[in-house]
Amino acid sequence: MNKQRVTLQEVAKHAGVSTSTASLVVRNNPRISEATRNKVLQSMEELGYVYDRVAANMRSKSSNIVGVIVTDISNTFISEFLIGVQTTLESLGYTVLLGTTFDSVDKQERLISTMVEHRVGGIILNPASKKLCSNGQTIKSNSYPKSTGKS
C-alpha cells in the first residue's frame, strides 16, 4: 500500500484558499482570520494532511529543535540541568531532542550525526569521556549555536 502524502496545495484547493494562505495557517500566523483558519484546518483533517517538518527545516536550513546530548540522565546534576534547559527552551518555542551517550564516544558520534542530518537548530553537548569525538569538527564547523558544557 503506497498511499501518496497529501500536499499543502491539495489542502488549499480543498479549502478554497491560496497555497500561501494554507501555509500561513500551518505556521499559525495571526494574520489569518478565524474562519479561514478553521476552513483550512478542517480540510487538513478531512484529507489527512501531515505537516512535513523535515522539508520545512530543509527549506529554512534550521529548525525549532535543539539537540541535547548528555552522558548519563540518572546523574542528579544532569537531570536538574535538563529540567532547566527544557523549561527555558520550551518557553522560547523550542523543542528538546535528547540523546544519552552513556559515556560512549561512538554513541556520541552517532547522535551528533543524526542531529546534524535532521538539521537541529543547535546542539548542547556534555562530551563523552570528556572529549569531543571526530564529529566535534562537524559541530564546530556548522553555523548554528552550540555549547559543549565546558566553562
C-alpha atoms as a PDB file:
ATOM      1  CA  MET A   1       0.000   0.000   0.000  1.00  0.00           C
ATOM      2  CA  ASN A   2       1.764   3.111  -1.291  1.00  0.00           C
ATOM      3  CA  LYS A   3      -0.637   5.943  -0.462  1.00  0.00           C
ATOM      4  CA  GLN A   4       0.737   9.320  -1.531  1.00  0.00           C
ATOM      5  CA  ARG A   5       1.014  12.059   1.060  1.00  0.00           C
ATOM      6  CA  VAL A   6      -1.471  14.885   0.846  1.00  0.00           C
ATOM      7  CA  THR A   7       0.194  18.135  -0.216  1.00  0.00           C
ATOM      8  CA  LEU A   8      -0.427  21.626   1.058  1.00  0.00           C
ATOM      9  CA  GLN A   9      -1.568  22.570  -2.448  1.00  0.00           C
ATOM     10  CA  GLU A  10      -4.300  19.912  -2.235  1.00  0.00           C
ATOM     11  CA  VAL A  11      -5.385  21.225   1.161  1.00  0.00           C
ATOM     12  CA  ALA A  12      -5.522  24.785  -0.193  1.00  0.00           C
ATOM     13  CA  LYS A  13      -7.589  23.728  -3.203  1.00  0.00           C
ATOM     14  CA  HIS A  14      -9.975  21.728  -0.982  1.00  0.00           C
ATOM     15  CA  ALA A  15     -10.382  24.711   1.377  1.00  0.00           C
ATOM     16  CA  GLY A  16     -10.764  27.202  -1.477  1.00  0.00           C
ATOM     17  CA  VAL A  17      -7.757  29.316  -0.471  1.00  0.00           C
ATOM     18  CA  SER A  18      -4.315  30.006  -1.889  1.00  0.00           C
ATOM     19  CA  THR A  19      -1.361  27.787  -1.035  1.00  0.00           C
ATOM     20  CA  SER A  20       0.298  30.720   0.739  1.00  0.00           C
ATOM     21  CA  THR A  21      -2.788  31.179   2.939  1.00  0.00           C
ATOM     22  CA  ALA A  22      -2.788  27.474   3.810  1.00  0.00           C
ATOM     23  CA  SER A  23       0.922  27.769   4.618  1.00  0.00           C
ATOM     24  CA  LEU A  24       0.247  30.687   6.965  1.00  0.00           C
ATOM     25  CA  VAL A  25      -2.395  28.593   8.737  1.00  0.00           C
ATOM     26  CA  VAL A  26       0.067  25.703   9.168  1.00  0.00           C
ATOM     27  CA  ARG A  27       2.589  28.142  10.669  1.00  0.00           C
ATOM     28  CA  ASN A  28      -0.112  29.608  12.935  1.00  0.00           C
ATOM     29  CA  ASN A  29       0.260  33.131  11.554  1.00  0.00           C
ATOM     30  CA  PRO A  30      -2.057  35.553  13.403  1.00  0.00           C
ATOM     31  CA  ARG A  31      -2.914  37.466  10.179  1.00  0.00           C
ATOM     32  CA  ILE A  32      -5.307  34.704   9.117  1.00  0.00           C
ATOM     33  CA  SER A  33      -8.946  35.122  10.142  1.00  0.00           C
ATOM     34  CA  GLU A  34     -10.502  32.546  12.429  1.00  0.00           C
ATOM     35  CA  ALA A  35     -12.995  31.495   9.742  1.00  0.00           C
ATOM     36  CA  THR A  36     -10.270  30.898   7.153  1.00  0.00           C
ATOM     37  CA  ARG A  37      -8.090  29.130   9.711  1.00  0.00           C
ATOM     38  CA  ASN A  38     -10.948  26.781  10.636  1.00  0.00           C
ATOM     39  CA  LYS A  39     -11.732  26.063   6.974  1.00  0.00           C
ATOM     40  CA  VAL A  40      -8.088  25.132   6.258  1.00  0.00           C
ATOM     41  CA  LEU A  41      -7.754  23.083   9.456  1.00  0.00           C
ATOM     42  CA  GLN A  42     -10.924  21.177   8.585  1.00  0.00           C
ATOM     43  CA  SER A  43      -9.575  20.438   5.091  1.00  0.00           C
ATOM     44  CA  MET A  44      -6.294  19.258   6.610  1.00  0.00           C
ATOM     45  CA  GLU A  45      -8.183  16.875   8.867  1.00  0.00           C
ATOM     46  CA  GLU A  46     -10.527  15.596   6.156  1.00  0.00           C
ATOM     47  CA  LEU A  47      -7.664  14.957   3.728  1.00  0.00           C
ATOM     48  CA  GLY A  48      -5.294  13.545   6.359  1.00  0.00           C
ATOM     49  CA  TYR A  49      -2.621  16.212   5.823  1.00  0.00           C
ATOM     50  CA  VAL A  50       0.506  15.898   7.975  1.00  0.00           C
ATOM     51  CA  TYR A  51       2.910  18.833   8.114  1.00  0.00           C
ATOM     52  CA  ASP A  52       6.349  17.820   6.845  1.00  0.00           C
ATOM     53  CA  ARG A  53       8.612  19.495   9.390  1.00  0.00           C
ATOM     54  CA  VAL A  54      11.756  17.943   7.869  1.00  0.00           C
ATOM     55  CA  ALA A  55      11.025  19.519   4.488  1.00  0.00           C
ATOM     56  CA  ALA A  56      10.340  22.874   6.142  1.00  0.00           C
ATOM     57  CA  ASN A  57      13.612  22.632   8.066  1.00  0.00           C
ATOM     58  CA  MET A  58      15.477  21.856   4.859  1.00  0.00           C
ATOM     59  CA  ARG A  59      13.984  24.912   3.155  1.00  0.00           C
ATOM     60  CA  SER A  60      14.808  27.218   6.051  1.00  0.00           C
ATOM     61  CA  LYS A  61      18.103  25.456   6.878  1.00  0.00           C
ATOM     62  CA  SER A  62      17.166  25.461  10.565  1.00  0.00           C
ATOM     63  CA  SER A  63      14.571  24.171  12.989  1.00  0.00           C
ATOM     64  CA  ASN A  64      12.990  24.917  16.322  1.00  0.00           C
ATOM     65  CA  ILE A  65      14.542  21.741  17.736  1.00  0.00           C
ATOM     66  CA  VAL A  66      17.615  21.856  19.954  1.00  0.00           C
ATOM     67  CA  GLY A  67      19.579  18.655  20.409  1.00  0.00           C
ATOM     68  CA  VAL A  68      20.873  17.926  23.896  1.00  0.00           C
ATOM     69  CA  ILE A  69      23.434  15.139  24.260  1.00  0.00           C
ATOM     70  CA  VAL A  70      24.406  14.069  27.778  1.00  0.00           C
ATOM     71  CA  THR A  71      26.411  11.227  29.252  1.00  0.00           C
ATOM     72  CA  ASP A  72      24.015   9.933  31.919  1.00  0.00           C
ATOM     73  CA  ILE A  73      20.487  11.133  32.686  1.00  0.00           C
ATOM     74  CA  SER A  74      20.496   9.301  36.027  1.00  0.00           C
ATOM     75  CA  ASN A  75      23.148  11.744  37.298  1.00  0.00           C
ATOM     76  CA  THR A  76      21.305  14.191  39.588  1.00  0.00           C
ATOM     77  CA  PHE A  77      23.227  17.220  38.314  1.00  0.00           C
ATOM     78  CA  ILE A  78      22.487  16.345  34.685  1.00  0.00           C
ATOM     79  CA  SER A  79      18.800  15.672  35.464  1.00  0.00           C
ATOM     80  CA  GLU A  80      18.447  19.095  37.088  1.00  0.00           C
ATOM     81  CA  PHE A  81      20.345  20.669  34.188  1.00  0.00           C
ATOM     82  CA  LEU A  82      17.972  19.015  31.679  1.00  0.00           C
ATOM     83  CA  ILE A  83      14.903  20.283  33.537  1.00  0.00           C
ATOM     84  CA  GLY A  84      16.279  23.824  33.339  1.00  0.00           C
ATOM     85  CA  VAL A  85      17.247  23.503  29.676  1.00  0.00           C
ATOM     86  CA  GLN A  86      13.881  22.058  28.661  1.00  0.00           C
ATOM     87  CA  THR A  87      11.881  24.600  30.659  1.00  0.00           C
ATOM     88  CA  THR A  88      13.843  27.517  29.221  1.00  0.00           C
ATOM     89  CA  LEU A  89      13.862  26.295  25.629  1.00  0.00           C
ATOM     90  CA  GLU A  90      10.151  25.415  25.645  1.00  0.00           C
ATOM     91  CA  SER A  91       9.326  28.907  26.944  1.00  0.00           C
ATOM     92  CA  LEU A  92      11.160  30.251  23.875  1.00  0.00           C
ATOM     93  CA  GLY A  93       9.230  27.999  21.482  1.00  0.00           C
ATOM     94  CA  TYR A  94      11.863  25.281  21.039  1.00  0.00           C
ATOM     95  CA  THR A  95      11.516  21.517  21.362  1.00  0.00           C
ATOM     96  CA  VAL A  96      14.278  19.485  23.015  1.00  0.00           C
ATOM     97  CA  LEU A  97      15.593  16.316  21.372  1.00  0.00           C
ATOM     98  CA  LEU A  98      17.514  14.318  23.988  1.00  0.00           C
ATOM     99  CA  GLY A  99      20.244  11.769  23.401  1.00  0.00           C
ATOM    100  CA  THR A 100      22.231   9.835  26.016  1.00  0.00           C
ATOM    101  CA  THR A 101      25.743   8.514  25.306  1.00  0.00           C
ATOM    102  CA  PHE A 102      26.371   6.527  28.493  1.00  0.00           C
ATOM    103  CA  ASP A 103      29.908   7.954  28.155  1.00  0.00           C
ATOM    104  CA  SER A 104      30.470   6.237  24.786  1.00  0.00           C
ATOM    105  CA  VAL A 105      32.266   8.282  22.129  1.00  0.00           C
ATOM    106  CA  ASP A 106      30.780   6.003  19.422  1.00  0.00           C
ATOM    107  CA  LYS A 107      27.219   6.732  20.612  1.00  0.00           C
ATOM    108  CA  GLN A 108      28.099  10.413  20.830  1.00  0.00           C
ATOM    109  CA  GLU A 109      29.276  10.391  17.204  1.00  0.00           C
ATOM    110  CA  ARG A 110      26.054   8.708  16.049  1.00  0.00           C
ATOM    111  CA  LEU A 111      23.879  11.147  17.986  1.00  0.00           C
ATOM    112  CA  ILE A 112      25.727  14.181  16.639  1.00  0.00           C
ATOM    113  CA  SER A 113      25.489  12.879  13.069  1.00  0.00           C
ATOM    114  CA  THR A 114      21.778  12.162  13.442  1.00  0.00           C
ATOM    115  CA  MET A 115      21.048  15.586  14.912  1.00  0.00           C
ATOM    116  CA  VAL A 116      23.061  17.383  12.232  1.00  0.00           C
ATOM    117  CA  GLU A 117      21.341  15.337   9.492  1.00  0.00           C
ATOM    118  CA  HIS A 118      17.955  16.334  10.919  1.00  0.00           C
ATOM    119  CA  ARG A 119      19.082  19.983  10.939  1.00  0.00           C
ATOM    120  CA  VAL A 120      18.541  20.717  14.616  1.00  0.00           C
ATOM    121  CA  GLY A 121      18.709  24.418  15.444  1.00  0.00           C
ATOM    122  CA  GLY A 122      21.586  23.856  17.868  1.00  0.00           C
ATOM    123  CA  ILE A 123      23.344  21.237  19.972  1.00  0.00           C
ATOM    124  CA  ILE A 124      24.108  21.294  23.682  1.00  0.00           C
ATOM    125  CA  LEU A 125      26.778  18.672  24.317  1.00  0.00           C
ATOM    126  CA  ASN A 126      28.046  17.118  27.535  1.00  0.00           C
ATOM    127  CA  PRO A 127      31.012  15.303  25.921  1.00  0.00           C
ATOM    128  CA  ALA A 128      31.510  11.582  26.482  1.00  0.00           C
ATOM    129  CA  SER A 129      34.810  10.738  28.153  1.00  0.00           C
ATOM    130  CA  LYS A 130      35.450  14.466  28.492  1.00  0.00           C
ATOM    131  CA  LYS A 131      36.478  14.803  24.843  1.00  0.00           C
ATOM    132  CA  LEU A 132      34.929  15.666  21.546  1.00  0.00           C
ATOM    133  CA  CYS A 133      34.727  12.872  19.031  1.00  0.00           C
ATOM    134  CA  SER A 134      35.635  13.192  15.366  1.00  0.00           C
ATOM    135  CA  ASN A 135      32.240  14.838  14.864  1.00  0.00           C
ATOM    136  CA  GLY A 136      33.388  17.660  17.118  1.00  0.00           C
ATOM    137  CA  GLN A 137      34.625  19.369  13.976  1.00  0.00           C
ATOM    138  CA  THR A 138      31.183  18.861  12.435  1.00  0.00           C
ATOM    139  CA  ILE A 139      29.652  20.708  15.370  1.00  0.00           C
ATOM    140  CA  LYS A 140      32.263  23.463  15.265  1.00  0.00           C
ATOM    141  CA  SER A 141      32.009  23.956  11.508  1.00  0.00           C
ATOM    142  CA  ASN A 142      28.214  24.259  11.362  1.00  0.00           C
ATOM    143  CA  SER A 143      26.732  27.716  11.579  1.00  0.00           C
ATOM    144  CA  TYR A 144      24.272  27.026  14.390  1.00  0.00           C
ATOM    145  CA  PRO A 145      24.656  27.782  18.108  1.00  0.00           C
ATOM    146  CA  LYS A 146      26.267  25.105  20.226  1.00  0.00           C
ATOM    147  CA  SER A 147      27.513  24.559  23.745  1.00  0.00           C
ATOM    148  CA  THR A 148      29.912  21.904  24.977  1.00  0.00           C
ATOM    149  CA  GLY A 149      29.080  22.376  28.629  1.00  0.00           C
ATOM    150  CA  LYS A 150      32.631  23.498  29.371  1.00  0.00           C
ATOM    151  CA  SER A 151      33.330  26.770  31.129  1.00  0.00           C
END
